[in-house]
Amino acid sequence: MSRDDDSEAYVMWTTIPMLTWLFPFAGHVGITYSNGKSTDFLGSNFVNKGKLGFGKPIYRYKIKISPEEVEKYNKAIDKNVEIYNRKIHTLIGTNCHSYVCDILNDCGYLNGGWSQAKLVRKIMFEGEIINRKYLWKHWLPPFIIYGGVILLICLTLL
């Protein structure tokens, strides 16, 4: 790959209140154009532009594209914005994760083969924390919930 210093292309991840509290690896994702402008599939027939629909991103995964790949990458986003503006959102099938995966597959990023599981794995294990002060938003609620459950179990066994 060529230098990607000029590209601001990222996959962004943030929490979904209550869902992420129960399942810490479940969250909302969006993707940015090469200029940094974000898009995310927020609901049926609606692709949001400008910022993530569930708040500020906590993690991001850098999309390393060369200057020659920028146009193809941006066109893949435009194509999927049009497609997803006509799709019904479902929690498991057609959702924000499938939107991002379809874009990455359409532009052939890392030879395609993007799935929702691969996307989450890349964000969580190869991505970066954007701002450490927002980590509490991700990890504190599950810690309290699961810690409380463990405490209750321990207290009932005594």
C-alpha atoms as a PDB file:
ATOM      1  CA  MET A   1       0.000   0.000   0.000  1.00  0.00           C
ATOM      2  CA  SER A   2       1.032   3.560  -0.607  1.00  0.00           C
ATOM      3  CA  ARG A   3       1.097   6.221   2.044  1.00  0.00           C
ATOM      4  CA  ASP A   4      -2.327   6.837   3.552  1.00  0.00           C
ATOM      5  CA  ASP A   5      -1.483   9.930   5.590  1.00  0.00           C
ATOM      6  CA  ASP A   6      -4.016  12.062   3.716  1.00  0.00           C
ATOM      7  CA  SER A   7      -6.880   9.630   4.215  1.00  0.00           C
ATOM      8  CA  GLU A   8      -9.229  10.022   7.154  1.00  0.00           C
ATOM      9  CA  ALA A   9     -11.051   6.770   6.400  1.00  0.00           C
ATOM     10  CA  TYR A  10     -12.163   4.880   9.499  1.00  0.00           C
ATOM     11  CA  VAL A  11     -14.745   2.457  10.777  1.00  0.00           C
ATOM     12  CA  MET A  12     -16.146   4.023  13.947  1.00  0.00           C
ATOM     13  CA  TRP A  13     -17.751   2.163  16.891  1.00  0.00           C
ATOM     14  CA  THR A  14     -19.909   3.408  19.738  1.00  0.00           C
ATOM     15  CA  THR A  15     -22.216   1.917  22.327  1.00  0.00           C
ATOM     16  CA  ILE A  16     -25.930   1.287  22.011  1.00  0.00           C
ATOM     17  CA  PRO A  17     -27.426   1.979  25.449  1.00  0.00           C
ATOM     18  CA  MET A  18     -28.812  -1.133  27.153  1.00  0.00           C
ATOM     19  CA  LEU A  19     -27.756  -3.509  24.346  1.00  0.00           C
ATOM     20  CA  THR A  20     -24.042  -2.863  24.880  1.00  0.00           C
ATOM     21  CA  TRP A  21     -24.571  -2.978  28.641  1.00  0.00           C
ATOM     22  CA  LEU A  22     -25.691  -6.600  28.331  1.00  0.00           C
ATOM     23  CA  PHE A  23     -23.415  -7.589  25.444  1.00  0.00           C
ATOM     24  CA  PRO A  24     -20.223  -5.472  25.598  1.00  0.00           C
ATOM     25  CA  PHE A  25     -19.086  -6.362  22.070  1.00  0.00           C
ATOM     26  CA  ALA A  26     -22.428  -5.339  20.554  1.00  0.00           C
ATOM     27  CA  GLY A  27     -22.473  -1.748  19.408  1.00  0.00           C
ATOM     28  CA  HIS A  28     -23.139   0.671  16.586  1.00  0.00           C
ATOM     29  CA  VAL A  29     -20.739   1.212  13.682  1.00  0.00           C
ATOM     30  CA  GLY A  30     -20.358   3.773  10.958  1.00  0.00           C
ATOM     31  CA  ILE A  31     -17.780   4.449   8.299  1.00  0.00           C
ATOM     32  CA  THR A  32     -16.154   7.635   7.099  1.00  0.00           C
ATOM     33  CA  TYR A  33     -15.423   8.868   3.635  1.00  0.00           C
ATOM     34  CA  SER A  34     -11.740   9.439   2.884  1.00  0.00           C
ATOM     35  CA  ASN A  35     -12.228  13.068   4.008  1.00  0.00           C
ATOM     36  CA  GLY A  36     -13.471  12.017   7.464  1.00  0.00           C
ATOM     37  CA  LYS A  37     -17.214  12.664   6.968  1.00  0.00           C
ATOM     38  CA  SER A  38     -19.103   9.844   8.662  1.00  0.00           C
ATOM     39  CA  THR A  39     -22.100   7.821   7.529  1.00  0.00           C
ATOM     40  CA  ASP A  40     -24.047   5.145   9.370  1.00  0.00           C
ATOM     41  CA  PHE A  41     -27.135   3.043   8.697  1.00  0.00           C
ATOM     42  CA  LEU A  42     -29.304   4.223  11.548  1.00  0.00           C
ATOM     43  CA  GLY A  43     -32.703   2.766  10.766  1.00  0.00           C
ATOM     44  CA  SER A  44     -35.040   1.619   8.059  1.00  0.00           C
ATOM     45  CA  ASN A  45     -34.610   3.698   4.906  1.00  0.00           C
ATOM     46  CA  PHE A  46     -32.191   6.067   6.634  1.00  0.00           C
ATOM     47  CA  VAL A  47     -28.434   6.488   6.272  1.00  0.00           C
ATOM     48  CA  ASN A  48     -27.246   9.193   8.622  1.00  0.00           C
ATOM     49  CA  LYS A  49     -24.455  11.551   7.539  1.00  0.00           C
ATOM     50  CA  GLY A  50     -22.197  13.796   9.584  1.00  0.00           C
ATOM     51  CA  LYS A  51     -21.995  12.028  12.960  1.00  0.00           C
ATOM     52  CA  LEU A  52     -22.838   8.658  14.459  1.00  0.00           C
ATOM     53  CA  GLY A  53     -26.463   8.284  15.437  1.00  0.00           C
ATOM     54  CA  PHE A  54     -25.711   6.903  18.915  1.00  0.00           C
ATOM     55  CA  GLY A  55     -23.166   9.495  19.963  1.00  0.00           C
ATOM     56  CA  LYS A  56     -19.442  10.046  19.863  1.00  0.00           C
ATOM     57  CA  PRO A  57     -17.364   7.084  18.723  1.00  0.00           C
ATOM     58  CA  ILE A  58     -15.264   5.260  21.297  1.00  0.00           C
ATOM     59  CA  TYR A  59     -13.166   3.054  19.010  1.00  0.00           C
ATOM     60  CA  ARG A  60     -11.997   3.434  15.442  1.00  0.00           C
ATOM     61  CA  TYR A  61     -10.351   1.144  12.931  1.00  0.00           C
ATOM     62  CA  LYS A  62      -8.176   2.786  10.276  1.00  0.00           C
ATOM     63  CA  ILE A  63      -9.021   1.971   6.655  1.00  0.00           C
ATOM     64  CA  LYS A  64      -5.631   2.144   4.969  1.00  0.00           C
ATOM     65  CA  ILE A  65      -6.287   3.165   1.394  1.00  0.00           C
ATOM     66  CA  SER A  66      -3.815   4.449  -1.128  1.00  0.00           C
ATOM     67  CA  PRO A  67      -4.458   7.656  -3.093  1.00  0.00           C
ATOM     68  CA  GLU A  68      -5.322   5.467  -6.094  1.00  0.00           C
ATOM     69  CA  GLU A  69      -8.021   3.649  -4.081  1.00  0.00           C
ATOM     70  CA  VAL A  70      -9.736   6.734  -2.648  1.00  0.00           C
ATOM     71  CA  GLU A  71     -12.203   7.210  -5.514  1.00  0.00           C
ATOM     72  CA  LYS A  72     -13.225   3.534  -5.517  1.00  0.00           C
ATOM     73  CA  TYR A  73     -13.650   3.618  -1.731  1.00  0.00           C
ATOM     74  CA  ASN A  74     -15.794   6.792  -1.743  1.00  0.00           C
ATOM     75  CA  LYS A  75     -17.918   5.423  -4.610  1.00  0.00           C
ATOM     76  CA  ALA A  76     -18.530   2.229  -2.615  1.00  0.00           C
ATOM     77  CA  ILE A  77     -19.879   4.376   0.220  1.00  0.00           C
ATOM     78  CA  ASP A  78     -22.082   6.424  -2.153  1.00  0.00           C
ATOM     79  CA  LYS A  79     -23.435   3.227  -3.736  1.00  0.00           C
ATOM     80  CA  ASN A  80     -24.338   1.731  -0.357  1.00  0.00           C
ATOM     81  CA  VAL A  81     -25.866   4.966   0.921  1.00  0.00           C
ATOM     82  CA  GLU A  82     -28.306   4.731  -2.009  1.00  0.00           C
ATOM     83  CA  ILE A  83     -28.970   1.023  -1.420  1.00  0.00           C
ATOM     84  CA  TYR A  84     -29.410   1.265   2.350  1.00  0.00           C
ATOM     85  CA  ASN A  85     -31.678   4.308   2.060  1.00  0.00           C
ATOM     86  CA  ARG A  86     -34.165   1.775   0.634  1.00  0.00           C
ATOM     87  CA  LYS A  87     -33.540  -1.092   3.100  1.00  0.00           C
ATOM     88  CA  ILE A  88     -35.419  -2.177   6.191  1.00  0.00           C
ATOM     89  CA  HIS A  89     -33.231  -2.280   9.316  1.00  0.00           C
ATOM     90  CA  THR A  90     -33.194  -5.501  11.341  1.00  0.00           C
ATOM     91  CA  LEU A  91     -31.248  -6.153  14.518  1.00  0.00           C
ATOM     92  CA  ILE A  92     -29.337  -9.167  13.239  1.00  0.00           C
ATOM     93  CA  GLY A  93     -29.473  -9.183   9.424  1.00  0.00           C
ATOM     94  CA  THR A  94     -29.544  -5.818   7.679  1.00  0.00           C
ATOM     95  CA  ASN A  95     -27.988  -3.407  10.133  1.00  0.00           C
ATOM     96  CA  CYS A  96     -25.162  -0.923  10.600  1.00  0.00           C
ATOM     97  CA  HIS A  97     -22.594  -3.738  10.590  1.00  0.00           C
ATOM     98  CA  SER A  98     -23.822  -5.163   7.283  1.00  0.00           C
ATOM     99  CA  TYR A  99     -23.781  -1.628   5.824  1.00  0.00           C
ATOM    100  CA  VAL A 100     -20.087  -1.200   6.668  1.00  0.00           C
ATOM    101  CA  CYS A 101     -19.235  -4.758   5.556  1.00  0.00           C
ATOM    102  CA  ASP A 102     -20.947  -4.211   2.198  1.00  0.00           C
ATOM    103  CA  ILE A 103     -18.908  -1.047   1.645  1.00  0.00           C
ATOM    104  CA  LEU A 104     -15.630  -2.768   2.516  1.00  0.00           C
ATOM    105  CA  ASN A 105     -16.514  -5.724   0.283  1.00  0.00           C
ATOM    106  CA  ASP A 106     -17.570  -3.475  -2.623  1.00  0.00           C
ATOM    107  CA  CYS A 107     -14.282  -1.574  -2.598  1.00  0.00           C
ATOM    108  CA  GLY A 108     -12.329  -4.813  -2.135  1.00  0.00           C
ATOM    109  CA  TYR A 109     -10.653  -3.672   1.067  1.00  0.00           C
ATOM    110  CA  LEU A 110      -8.219  -6.363   2.289  1.00  0.00           C
ATOM    111  CA  ASN A 111      -9.497  -8.615  -0.511  1.00  0.00           C
ATOM    112  CA  GLY A 112     -13.108  -8.503   0.717  1.00  0.00           C
ATOM    113  CA  GLY A 113     -14.684 -11.290   2.744  1.00  0.00           C
ATOM    114  CA  TRP A 114     -15.980  -8.909   5.390  1.00  0.00           C
ATOM    115  CA  SER A 115     -18.555 -10.310   7.821  1.00  0.00           C
ATOM    116  CA  GLN A 116     -20.081  -8.785  10.928  1.00  0.00           C
ATOM    117  CA  ALA A 117     -17.900 -11.001  13.150  1.00  0.00           C
ATOM    118  CA  LYS A 118     -14.721 -10.011  11.285  1.00  0.00           C
ATOM    119  CA  LEU A 119     -15.683  -6.340  11.503  1.00  0.00           C
ATOM    120  CA  VAL A 120     -16.190  -6.428  15.286  1.00  0.00           C
ATOM    121  CA  ARG A 121     -12.968  -8.407  15.751  1.00  0.00           C
ATOM    122  CA  LYS A 122     -10.985  -5.852  13.705  1.00  0.00           C
ATOM    123  CA  ILE A 123     -12.442  -2.887  15.609  1.00  0.00           C
ATOM    124  CA  MET A 124     -11.963  -4.370  19.077  1.00  0.00           C
ATOM    125  CA  PHE A 125      -8.550  -5.960  18.611  1.00  0.00           C
ATOM    126  CA  GLU A 126      -6.884  -3.903  15.878  1.00  0.00           C
ATOM    127  CA  GLY A 127      -8.660  -0.599  16.345  1.00  0.00           C
ATOM    128  CA  GLU A 128      -7.722   2.232  18.620  1.00  0.00           C
ATOM    129  CA  ILE A 129      -9.428   3.988  21.493  1.00  0.00           C
ATOM    130  CA  ILE A 130     -10.323   7.497  20.391  1.00  0.00           C
ATOM    131  CA  ASN A 131     -10.683   9.052  23.825  1.00  0.00           C
ATOM    132  CA  ARG A 132     -10.002   7.144  27.031  1.00  0.00           C
ATOM    133  CA  LYS A 133     -12.529   9.207  29.003  1.00  0.00           C
ATOM    134  CA  TYR A 134     -15.332   7.619  26.954  1.00  0.00           C
ATOM    135  CA  LEU A 135     -14.266   4.090  27.922  1.00  0.00           C
ATOM    136  CA  TRP A 136     -16.460   4.316  31.027  1.00  0.00           C
ATOM    137  CA  LYS A 137     -19.449   4.628  28.698  1.00  0.00           C
ATOM    138  CA  HIS A 138     -18.565   1.231  27.250  1.00  0.00           C
ATOM    139  CA  TRP A 139     -17.281  -0.788  30.208  1.00  0.00           C
ATOM    140  CA  LEU A 140     -18.857   0.655  33.391  1.00  0.00           C
ATOM    141  CA  PRO A 141     -22.481  -0.465  32.794  1.00  0.00           C
ATOM    142  CA  PRO A 142     -21.563  -4.113  31.955  1.00  0.00           C
ATOM    143  CA  PHE A 143     -19.156  -4.151  34.911  1.00  0.00           C
ATOM    144  CA  ILE A 144     -21.947  -3.001  37.249  1.00  0.00           C
ATOM    145  CA  ILE A 145     -24.511  -5.418  35.776  1.00  0.00           C
ATOM    146  CA  TYR A 146     -22.284  -8.498  35.713  1.00  0.00           C
ATOM    147  CA  GLY A 147     -20.609  -7.551  38.991  1.00  0.00           C
ATOM    148  CA  GLY A 148     -24.039  -7.221  40.603  1.00  0.00           C
ATOM    149  CA  VAL A 149     -25.147 -10.596  39.259  1.00  0.00           C
ATOM    150  CA  ILE A 150     -21.976 -12.268  40.548  1.00  0.00           C
ATOM    151  CA  LEU A 151     -22.389 -10.562  43.921  1.00  0.00           C
ATOM    152  CA  LEU A 152     -26.015 -11.733  44.193  1.00  0.00           C
ATOM    153  CA  ILE A 153     -25.031 -15.286  43.297  1.00  0.00           C
ATOM    154  CA  CYS A 154     -22.256 -15.256  45.892  1.00  0.00           C
ATOM    155  CA  LEU A 155     -24.571 -13.832  48.562  1.00  0.00           C
ATOM    156  CA  THR A 156     -27.247 -16.450  47.899  1.00  0.00           C
ATOM    157  CA  LEU A 157     -24.686 -19.262  48.131  1.00  0.00           C
ATOM    158  CA  LEU A 158     -23.444 -18.138  51.578  1.00  0.00           C
END
